[in-house]
Amino acid sequence: MSEKKKILFICTHNSARSQMAEGIMKSLYGEYYDVYSAGIEPLEVNPYAVKVMKEIGLDISKQRSKSVDEFRDFRFDYVVTVCDQAKESCPFFPGGAIIHKGFKDPSPSSGNEDEILASFRRTRDEIKIWIQEALKTRIGEDQ
């Protein structure tokens, strides 16, 4: 097998959407890709993101929020922005294809815990479906 491709998921805070995307991508296609995530203004990983990922058997509790600055010298095959703000302020990464797919940020969700978790689940499931449908085609092309 050839060398693994590198993929970076970026969103504003690297606390929910890009963290979930990193976990899902590693789980589904980690044998083909080195997977990373980062944020424009990183915060801590959202505990609700950790919780809803555990529900589908994925543990992202050891992942940490990272700044895009940590990856300035990396060369990625794909850079995926998962929110509109990251798309607008995404730094330039040479050599990689830039893919944008915006997902609703579940972090500002309000209500009781069940309602907040439901919002995180929706975003998690949308990310997983998108990765399975949109990125699978590219993965096949990369092999």
Protein backbone atom coordinates (compact mmCIF):
# COMPACT_ATOMS: atom_id res chain seq x y z
CA MET A 1 0.00 0.00 0.00
CA SER A 2 1.24 3.48 -0.78
CA GLU A 3 1.96 6.12 1.85
CA LYS A 4 -1.09 7.37 3.71
CA LYS A 5 -2.71 10.59 2.53
CA LYS A 6 -3.05 13.42 5.05
CA ILE A 7 -6.37 15.12 5.79
CA LEU A 8 -7.07 18.09 8.06
CA PHE A 9 -10.52 19.09 9.33
CA ILE A 10 -10.81 22.75 10.34
CA CYS A 11 -13.52 24.66 12.16
CA THR A 12 -13.53 27.78 14.27
CA HIS A 13 -12.87 26.37 17.73
CA ASN A 14 -11.81 22.76 17.07
CA SER A 15 -14.12 21.79 19.90
CA ALA A 16 -16.98 19.84 18.29
CA ARG A 17 -17.46 19.51 14.51
CA SER A 18 -13.84 19.08 13.46
CA GLN A 19 -13.15 16.87 16.49
CA MET A 20 -16.07 14.60 15.59
CA ALA A 21 -14.95 14.55 11.95
CA GLU A 22 -11.43 13.57 13.02
CA GLY A 23 -12.74 10.71 15.16
CA ILE A 24 -15.13 9.43 12.52
CA MET A 25 -12.57 9.65 9.71
CA LYS A 26 -9.95 7.81 11.80
CA SER A 27 -12.47 5.11 12.60
CA LEU A 28 -13.70 4.60 9.04
CA TYR A 29 -10.61 5.30 6.94
CA GLY A 30 -7.63 5.49 9.31
CA GLU A 31 -5.87 2.75 7.37
CA TYR A 32 -5.73 5.08 4.35
CA TYR A 33 -5.39 8.50 5.99
CA ASP A 34 -3.46 10.29 8.68
CA VAL A 35 -6.24 12.42 10.16
CA TYR A 36 -5.91 15.73 11.97
CA SER A 37 -8.16 18.54 13.13
CA ALA A 38 -7.53 22.15 14.10
CA GLY A 39 -9.25 25.44 14.79
CA ILE A 40 -8.82 29.08 13.91
CA GLU A 41 -9.45 30.01 17.58
CA PRO A 42 -9.14 26.67 19.45
CA LEU A 43 -11.03 26.01 22.68
CA GLU A 44 -11.32 22.82 24.74
CA VAL A 45 -12.96 19.74 23.24
CA ASN A 46 -16.66 19.99 24.02
CA PRO A 47 -17.78 17.34 26.54
CA TYR A 48 -21.05 16.86 24.64
CA ALA A 49 -19.05 15.97 21.50
CA VAL A 50 -17.14 13.39 23.55
CA LYS A 51 -20.39 11.99 24.94
CA VAL A 52 -22.21 11.58 21.60
CA MET A 53 -19.15 10.02 19.99
CA LYS A 54 -18.98 7.46 22.80
CA GLU A 55 -22.58 6.55 21.96
CA ILE A 56 -21.37 5.22 18.59
CA GLY A 57 -18.32 3.52 20.07
CA LEU A 58 -15.74 6.21 19.33
CA ASP A 59 -13.61 7.66 22.12
CA ILE A 60 -12.36 11.17 21.34
CA SER A 61 -11.71 12.02 24.99
CA LYS A 62 -7.93 11.94 24.41
CA GLN A 63 -8.09 14.31 21.44
CA ARG A 64 -7.09 17.88 22.14
CA SER A 65 -8.01 21.16 20.55
CA LYS A 66 -5.25 22.46 18.29
CA SER A 67 -4.54 25.68 16.42
CA VAL A 68 -4.09 25.65 12.65
CA ASP A 69 -0.73 27.28 13.39
CA GLU A 70 0.55 23.88 14.60
CA PHE A 71 0.17 22.60 11.05
CA ARG A 72 1.68 25.48 9.05
CA ASP A 73 4.58 23.31 7.87
CA PHE A 74 2.48 20.24 7.07
CA ARG A 75 1.54 19.29 3.55
CA PHE A 76 -2.02 17.96 3.39
CA ASP A 77 -3.70 16.14 0.55
CA TYR A 78 -7.08 17.43 1.70
CA VAL A 79 -8.10 20.32 3.94
CA VAL A 80 -11.78 20.19 4.89
CA THR A 81 -13.46 23.23 6.41
CA VAL A 82 -16.57 22.20 8.32
CA CYS A 83 -17.91 25.68 9.11
CA ASP A 84 -18.34 28.89 7.15
CA GLN A 85 -16.10 30.98 9.41
CA ALA A 86 -13.21 28.54 8.95
CA LYS A 87 -13.80 28.62 5.19
CA GLU A 88 -13.44 32.41 5.20
CA SER A 89 -10.33 32.49 7.40
CA CYS A 90 -8.67 29.23 6.41
CA PRO A 91 -4.92 29.61 6.07
CA PHE A 92 -3.24 28.46 2.90
CA PHE A 93 -1.92 24.91 2.91
CA PRO A 94 0.17 24.14 -0.18
CA GLY A 95 -0.58 21.16 -2.36
CA GLY A 96 -3.90 20.10 -0.92
CA ALA A 97 -7.41 20.19 -2.23
CA ILE A 98 -9.65 22.50 -0.18
CA ILE A 99 -13.09 21.02 0.45
CA HIS A 100 -15.85 22.94 2.21
CA LYS A 101 -18.87 21.35 3.83
CA GLY A 102 -20.57 23.44 6.47
CA PHE A 103 -22.29 21.77 9.40
CA LYS A 104 -24.44 23.50 12.01
CA ASP A 105 -22.50 24.23 15.18
CA PRO A 106 -24.15 22.33 18.04
CA SER A 107 -22.08 24.11 20.72
CA PRO A 108 -24.44 27.06 21.31
CA SER A 109 -27.42 24.70 21.70
CA SER A 110 -29.64 25.43 24.65
CA GLY A 111 -32.34 23.61 26.54
CA ASN A 112 -32.14 20.60 28.77
CA GLU A 113 -29.39 18.00 28.41
CA ASP A 114 -31.50 15.78 26.13
CA GLU A 115 -32.12 18.68 23.74
CA ILE A 116 -28.43 19.65 23.69
CA LEU A 117 -27.37 16.05 23.11
CA ALA A 118 -29.93 15.76 20.28
CA SER A 119 -28.29 18.73 18.55
CA PHE A 120 -24.83 17.18 18.88
CA ARG A 121 -26.15 13.84 17.61
CA ARG A 122 -27.65 15.49 14.52
CA THR A 123 -24.35 17.15 13.67
CA ARG A 124 -22.38 13.95 14.40
CA ASP A 125 -24.67 11.90 12.16
CA GLU A 126 -24.54 14.47 9.34
CA ILE A 127 -20.74 14.48 9.47
CA LYS A 128 -20.58 10.68 9.42
CA ILE A 129 -22.96 10.40 6.47
CA TRP A 130 -21.06 13.08 4.56
CA ILE A 131 -17.70 11.40 5.18
CA GLN A 132 -19.10 8.05 4.08
CA GLU A 133 -20.71 9.47 0.93
CA ALA A 134 -18.49 12.34 -0.21
CA LEU A 135 -15.05 11.26 0.90
CA LYS A 136 -15.40 7.58 0.06
CA THR A 137 -15.25 8.46 -3.64
CA ARG A 138 -12.00 10.37 -3.13
CA ILE A 139 -10.57 7.54 -1.04
CA GLY A 140 -11.19 5.10 -3.86
CA GLU A 141 -9.41 7.45 -6.26
CA ASP A 142 -6.43 7.70 -3.89
CA GLN A 143 -5.78 3.95 -3.78
